[in-house]
């Protein structure tokens, strides 16, 4: 096997540093059988870099928070008023029957 074919493995501490989380968080995820996938080599926990890259890609979000006043990404669903629970800028609230009603209609009655 050439050096180009060799798989790179990360330790728990290396992955924790990469993701800026506690190594105890990774340990907790392992106990709860949550991703990322790990292997044990000689009793030591290791993470395959290819698995980590795949996991990161799967969890990648296509948009980010944009500072106020800057243009929003056109594909951001949170730019739409309906996605935020408002209708044309008017706040809505839930009635006792579990249905939404326009707050401005409620004030008029």
N, C-alpha and C. Protein backbone atom coordinates (compact mmCIF):
# COMPACT_ATOMS: atom_id res chain seq x y z
N UNK A 1 0.85 -1.18 0.00
CA UNK A 1 0.00 0.00 0.00
C UNK A 1 0.90 1.24 0.00
N UNK A 2 0.66 2.16 -0.92
CA UNK A 2 1.47 3.37 -1.00
C UNK A 2 0.99 4.38 0.05
N UNK A 3 1.77 5.41 0.28
CA UNK A 3 1.39 6.43 1.27
C UNK A 3 0.15 7.19 0.82
N UNK A 4 -0.09 7.25 -0.51
CA UNK A 4 -1.29 7.93 -1.00
C UNK A 4 -2.55 7.12 -0.69
N UNK A 5 -2.43 5.81 -0.57
CA UNK A 5 -3.57 4.95 -0.30
C UNK A 5 -3.84 4.78 1.19
N UNK A 6 -2.89 5.16 2.04
CA UNK A 6 -3.03 4.97 3.48
C UNK A 6 -4.14 5.88 4.01
N UNK A 7 -4.99 5.31 4.84
CA UNK A 7 -6.07 6.06 5.47
C UNK A 7 -5.52 6.86 6.65
N UNK A 8 -5.98 8.08 6.78
CA UNK A 8 -5.59 8.92 7.90
C UNK A 8 -6.62 8.74 9.01
N UNK A 9 -6.13 8.60 10.25
CA UNK A 9 -7.00 8.44 11.40
C UNK A 9 -6.76 9.59 12.38
N UNK A 10 -7.82 10.04 13.03
CA UNK A 10 -7.72 11.07 14.05
C UNK A 10 -7.98 10.47 15.42
N UNK A 11 -7.31 11.00 16.43
CA UNK A 11 -7.62 10.62 17.81
C UNK A 11 -8.84 11.42 18.26
N UNK A 12 -9.37 11.06 19.41
CA UNK A 12 -10.50 11.80 19.97
C UNK A 12 -10.10 13.26 20.20
N UNK A 13 -8.92 13.50 20.74
CA UNK A 13 -8.47 14.87 20.99
C UNK A 13 -8.31 15.66 19.70
N UNK A 14 -7.80 15.02 18.65
CA UNK A 14 -7.63 15.71 17.37
C UNK A 14 -8.98 16.10 16.77
N UNK A 15 -9.95 15.18 16.84
CA UNK A 15 -11.27 15.50 16.31
C UNK A 15 -11.96 16.56 17.16
N UNK A 16 -11.81 16.47 18.47
CA UNK A 16 -12.39 17.49 19.36
C UNK A 16 -11.81 18.86 19.03
N UNK A 17 -10.52 18.94 18.79
CA UNK A 17 -9.88 20.20 18.40
C UNK A 17 -10.43 20.69 17.06
N UNK A 18 -10.56 19.78 16.11
CA UNK A 18 -11.07 20.14 14.77
C UNK A 18 -12.46 20.75 14.86
N UNK A 19 -13.32 20.13 15.69
CA UNK A 19 -14.70 20.59 15.81
C UNK A 19 -14.91 21.58 16.94
N UNK A 20 -13.87 21.88 17.68
CA UNK A 20 -13.93 22.81 18.81
C UNK A 20 -14.99 22.40 19.83
N UNK A 21 -14.94 21.12 20.19
CA UNK A 21 -15.83 20.57 21.21
C UNK A 21 -14.98 19.82 22.23
N UNK A 22 -15.58 19.43 23.31
CA UNK A 22 -14.88 18.69 24.34
C UNK A 22 -14.70 17.23 23.92
N UNK A 23 -13.57 16.62 24.26
CA UNK A 23 -13.41 15.18 24.01
C UNK A 23 -14.49 14.37 24.74
N UNK A 24 -14.98 14.89 25.86
CA UNK A 24 -16.06 14.20 26.59
C UNK A 24 -17.36 14.17 25.79
N UNK A 25 -17.57 15.16 24.96
CA UNK A 25 -18.75 15.16 24.09
C UNK A 25 -18.67 13.99 23.11
N UNK A 26 -17.50 13.80 22.51
CA UNK A 26 -17.32 12.67 21.59
C UNK A 26 -17.50 11.35 22.33
N UNK A 27 -16.98 11.26 23.54
CA UNK A 27 -17.14 10.04 24.33
C UNK A 27 -18.63 9.80 24.61
N UNK A 28 -19.36 10.83 24.96
CA UNK A 28 -20.79 10.70 25.22
C UNK A 28 -21.53 10.22 23.97
N UNK A 29 -21.16 10.76 22.81
CA UNK A 29 -21.80 10.33 21.56
C UNK A 29 -21.51 8.87 21.27
N UNK A 30 -20.28 8.43 21.56
CA UNK A 30 -19.93 7.01 21.34
C UNK A 30 -20.78 6.11 22.23
N UNK A 31 -20.92 6.47 23.49
CA UNK A 31 -21.71 5.67 24.43
C UNK A 31 -23.17 5.59 23.98
N UNK A 32 -23.66 6.70 23.43
CA UNK A 32 -25.06 6.76 22.97
C UNK A 32 -25.21 6.26 21.53
N UNK A 33 -24.09 5.78 20.94
CA UNK A 33 -24.07 5.25 19.57
C UNK A 33 -24.52 6.27 18.52
N UNK A 34 -24.07 7.51 18.71
CA UNK A 34 -24.36 8.59 17.77
C UNK A 34 -23.15 8.79 16.87
N UNK A 35 -23.37 9.38 15.69
CA UNK A 35 -22.23 9.66 14.82
C UNK A 35 -21.30 10.66 15.49
N UNK A 36 -20.07 10.71 15.06
CA UNK A 36 -19.48 10.09 13.88
C UNK A 36 -19.04 8.65 14.14
N UNK A 37 -18.85 7.93 13.04
CA UNK A 37 -18.39 6.54 13.10
C UNK A 37 -16.96 6.51 13.62
N UNK A 38 -16.66 5.54 14.45
CA UNK A 38 -15.29 5.37 14.95
C UNK A 38 -14.90 3.91 14.86
N UNK A 39 -13.61 3.66 14.96
CA UNK A 39 -13.08 2.30 15.00
C UNK A 39 -12.17 2.18 16.21
N UNK A 40 -11.97 0.97 16.65
CA UNK A 40 -11.01 0.73 17.72
C UNK A 40 -9.84 -0.04 17.12
N UNK A 41 -8.65 0.49 17.31
CA UNK A 41 -7.43 -0.15 16.82
C UNK A 41 -6.56 -0.39 18.05
N UNK A 42 -6.34 -1.65 18.38
CA UNK A 42 -5.56 -1.97 19.56
C UNK A 42 -6.18 -1.42 20.83
N UNK A 43 -7.51 -1.34 20.87
CA UNK A 43 -8.20 -0.82 22.04
C UNK A 43 -8.29 0.70 22.09
N UNK A 44 -7.74 1.39 21.09
CA UNK A 44 -7.76 2.85 21.05
C UNK A 44 -8.81 3.33 20.05
N UNK A 45 -9.57 4.34 20.43
CA UNK A 45 -10.59 4.91 19.56
C UNK A 45 -9.93 5.79 18.50
N UNK A 46 -10.32 5.58 17.26
CA UNK A 46 -9.81 6.38 16.15
C UNK A 46 -10.97 6.69 15.20
N UNK A 47 -10.85 7.83 14.53
CA UNK A 47 -11.85 8.27 13.56
C UNK A 47 -11.18 8.36 12.20
N UNK A 48 -11.75 7.67 11.20
CA UNK A 48 -11.20 7.73 9.84
C UNK A 48 -11.52 9.10 9.26
N UNK A 49 -10.49 9.75 8.72
CA UNK A 49 -10.67 11.08 8.15
C UNK A 49 -11.72 11.07 7.05
N UNK A 50 -11.76 10.01 6.25
CA UNK A 50 -12.76 9.95 5.17
C UNK A 50 -14.18 9.93 5.76
N UNK A 51 -14.39 9.23 6.88
CA UNK A 51 -15.70 9.22 7.54
C UNK A 51 -16.04 10.60 8.11
N UNK A 52 -15.04 11.28 8.66
CA UNK A 52 -15.25 12.61 9.23
C UNK A 52 -15.62 13.60 8.14
N UNK A 53 -14.91 13.56 7.03
CA UNK A 53 -15.22 14.47 5.92
C UNK A 53 -16.62 14.21 5.37
N UNK A 54 -16.98 12.95 5.27
CA UNK A 54 -18.33 12.59 4.80
C UNK A 54 -19.39 13.10 5.78
N UNK A 55 -19.14 12.92 7.06
CA UNK A 55 -20.08 13.39 8.10
C UNK A 55 -20.21 14.92 8.04
N UNK A 56 -19.10 15.62 7.89
CA UNK A 56 -19.13 17.08 7.82
C UNK A 56 -19.89 17.55 6.60
N UNK A 57 -19.69 16.89 5.48
CA UNK A 57 -20.40 17.27 4.26
C UNK A 57 -21.90 17.06 4.40
N UNK A 58 -22.28 15.96 5.04
CA UNK A 58 -23.71 15.66 5.23
C UNK A 58 -24.37 16.68 6.15
N UNK A 59 -23.62 17.26 7.06
CA UNK A 59 -24.17 18.20 8.02
C UNK A 59 -23.99 19.65 7.58
N UNK A 60 -23.40 19.86 6.40
CA UNK A 60 -23.15 21.21 5.89
C UNK A 60 -24.47 21.90 5.60
N UNK A 61 -24.59 23.15 6.01
CA UNK A 61 -25.79 23.93 5.73
C UNK A 61 -25.47 24.90 4.60
N UNK A 62 -26.37 25.01 3.62
CA UNK A 62 -26.07 25.80 2.43
C UNK A 62 -26.12 27.31 2.62
N UNK A 63 -26.52 27.80 3.80
CA UNK A 63 -26.56 29.24 4.00
C UNK A 63 -26.10 29.56 5.41
N UNK A 64 -25.75 30.80 5.62
CA UNK A 64 -25.27 31.23 6.93
C UNK A 64 -26.03 32.47 7.35
N UNK A 65 -25.91 32.83 8.60
CA UNK A 65 -26.53 34.04 9.11
C UNK A 65 -25.82 35.23 8.48
N UNK A 66 -26.61 36.15 7.94
CA UNK A 66 -26.06 37.32 7.28
C UNK A 66 -26.33 38.53 8.19
N UNK A 67 -25.31 39.36 8.46
CA UNK A 67 -25.51 40.53 9.31
C UNK A 67 -26.63 41.42 8.79
N UNK A 68 -27.34 42.06 9.72
CA UNK A 68 -28.46 42.94 9.38
C UNK A 68 -28.00 44.01 8.42
N UNK A 69 -28.81 44.27 7.42
CA UNK A 69 -28.49 45.29 6.43
C UNK A 69 -27.80 44.75 5.19
N UNK A 70 -27.27 43.53 5.27
CA UNK A 70 -26.63 42.92 4.11
C UNK A 70 -27.65 42.07 3.37
N UNK A 71 -27.36 41.83 2.09
CA UNK A 71 -28.26 41.06 1.25
C UNK A 71 -28.32 39.60 1.68
N UNK A 72 -29.54 39.04 1.74
CA UNK A 72 -29.73 37.65 2.11
C UNK A 72 -29.51 36.75 0.90
N UNK A 73 -29.15 35.50 1.15
CA UNK A 73 -28.98 34.51 0.09
C UNK A 73 -30.34 34.23 -0.52
N UNK A 74 -30.48 34.20 -1.86
CA UNK A 74 -31.79 34.01 -2.49
C UNK A 74 -32.45 32.68 -2.17
N UNK A 75 -31.69 31.65 -1.80
CA UNK A 75 -32.28 30.35 -1.51
C UNK A 75 -32.57 30.15 -0.02
N UNK A 76 -32.41 31.19 0.79
CA UNK A 76 -32.62 31.07 2.23
C UNK A 76 -34.11 31.06 2.54
N UNK A 77 -34.67 29.91 3.00
CA UNK A 77 -36.11 29.84 3.25
C UNK A 77 -36.54 30.71 4.43
N UNK A 78 -35.62 31.13 5.26
CA UNK A 78 -35.98 31.92 6.44
C UNK A 78 -36.18 33.39 6.11
N UNK A 79 -35.95 33.76 4.84
CA UNK A 79 -36.22 35.13 4.42
C UNK A 79 -37.72 35.34 4.19
N UNK A 80 -38.45 34.26 3.99
CA UNK A 80 -39.87 34.35 3.69
C UNK A 80 -40.66 34.55 4.98
N UNK A 81 -41.61 35.49 5.02
CA UNK A 81 -42.39 35.73 6.23
C UNK A 81 -43.14 34.49 6.72
N UNK A 82 -43.64 33.65 5.79
CA UNK A 82 -44.40 32.47 6.20
C UNK A 82 -43.55 31.51 7.01
N UNK A 83 -42.25 31.42 6.67
CA UNK A 83 -41.36 30.50 7.37
C UNK A 83 -41.10 30.95 8.80
N UNK A 84 -41.34 32.22 9.09
CA UNK A 84 -41.07 32.75 10.42
C UNK A 84 -42.33 32.85 11.26
N UNK A 85 -43.46 32.36 10.76
CA UNK A 85 -44.70 32.39 11.53
C UNK A 85 -45.42 33.73 11.45
N UNK A 86 -45.15 34.52 10.43
CA UNK A 86 -45.84 35.78 10.27
C UNK A 86 -46.51 35.82 8.90
N UNK A 87 -47.52 36.62 8.78
CA UNK A 87 -48.23 36.79 7.52
C UNK A 87 -48.19 38.25 7.16
N UNK A 88 -47.46 38.59 6.12
CA UNK A 88 -47.30 39.96 5.66
C UNK A 88 -46.85 40.87 6.80
N UNK A 89 -45.96 40.37 7.64
CA UNK A 89 -45.40 41.19 8.70
C UNK A 89 -46.26 41.31 9.95
N UNK A 90 -47.49 40.77 9.93
CA UNK A 90 -48.37 40.84 11.09
C UNK A 90 -48.15 39.61 11.95
N UNK A 91 -47.84 39.79 13.23
CA UNK A 91 -47.65 38.61 14.09
C UNK A 91 -48.93 37.81 14.22
N UNK A 92 -48.78 36.52 14.30
CA UNK A 92 -49.94 35.65 14.50
C UNK A 92 -49.82 35.00 15.86
N UNK A 93 -50.94 34.55 16.39
CA UNK A 93 -50.90 33.81 17.63
C UNK A 93 -51.88 32.66 17.53
N UNK A 94 -51.66 31.68 18.36
CA UNK A 94 -52.49 30.49 18.33
C UNK A 94 -53.69 30.69 19.24
N UNK A 95 -54.89 30.31 18.77
CA UNK A 95 -56.08 30.41 19.60
C UNK A 95 -56.18 29.20 20.50
N UNK A 96 -57.15 29.20 21.39
CA UNK A 96 -57.33 28.07 22.30
C UNK A 96 -57.73 26.80 21.55
N UNK A 97 -58.17 26.95 20.29
CA UNK A 97 -58.57 25.80 19.48
C UNK A 97 -57.41 25.30 18.63
N UNK A 98 -56.21 25.86 18.82
CA UNK A 98 -55.04 25.40 18.09
C UNK A 98 -54.92 25.95 16.69
N UNK A 99 -55.75 26.98 16.35
CA UNK A 99 -55.68 27.56 15.02
C UNK A 99 -55.08 28.95 15.13
N UNK A 100 -54.33 29.33 14.09
CA UNK A 100 -53.73 30.66 14.10
C UNK A 100 -54.76 31.67 13.66
N UNK A 101 -54.70 32.86 14.27
CA UNK A 101 -55.52 33.97 13.79
C UNK A 101 -54.64 35.19 13.74
N UNK A 102 -55.00 36.10 12.86
CA UNK A 102 -54.25 37.33 12.67
C UNK A 102 -54.49 38.21 13.90
N UNK A 103 -53.42 38.71 14.52
CA UNK A 103 -53.53 39.52 15.73
C UNK A 103 -54.31 40.79 15.46
N UNK A 104 -54.22 41.36 14.24
CA UNK A 104 -54.96 42.58 13.94
C UNK A 104 -56.46 42.33 13.87
N UNK A 105 -56.89 41.14 13.44
CA UNK A 105 -58.31 40.79 13.42
C UNK A 105 -58.85 40.68 14.84
N UNK A 106 -58.08 40.14 15.74
CA UNK A 106 -58.48 39.95 17.13
C UNK A 106 -58.73 41.29 17.80
N UNK A 107 -57.89 42.29 17.50
CA UNK A 107 -58.02 43.61 18.10
C UNK A 107 -59.30 44.30 17.64
N UNK A 108 -59.75 44.02 16.42
CA UNK A 108 -60.92 44.67 15.86
C UNK A 108 -62.24 44.14 16.42
N UNK A 109 -62.25 43.02 17.10
CA UNK A 109 -63.52 42.45 17.60
C UNK A 109 -63.73 42.73 19.04
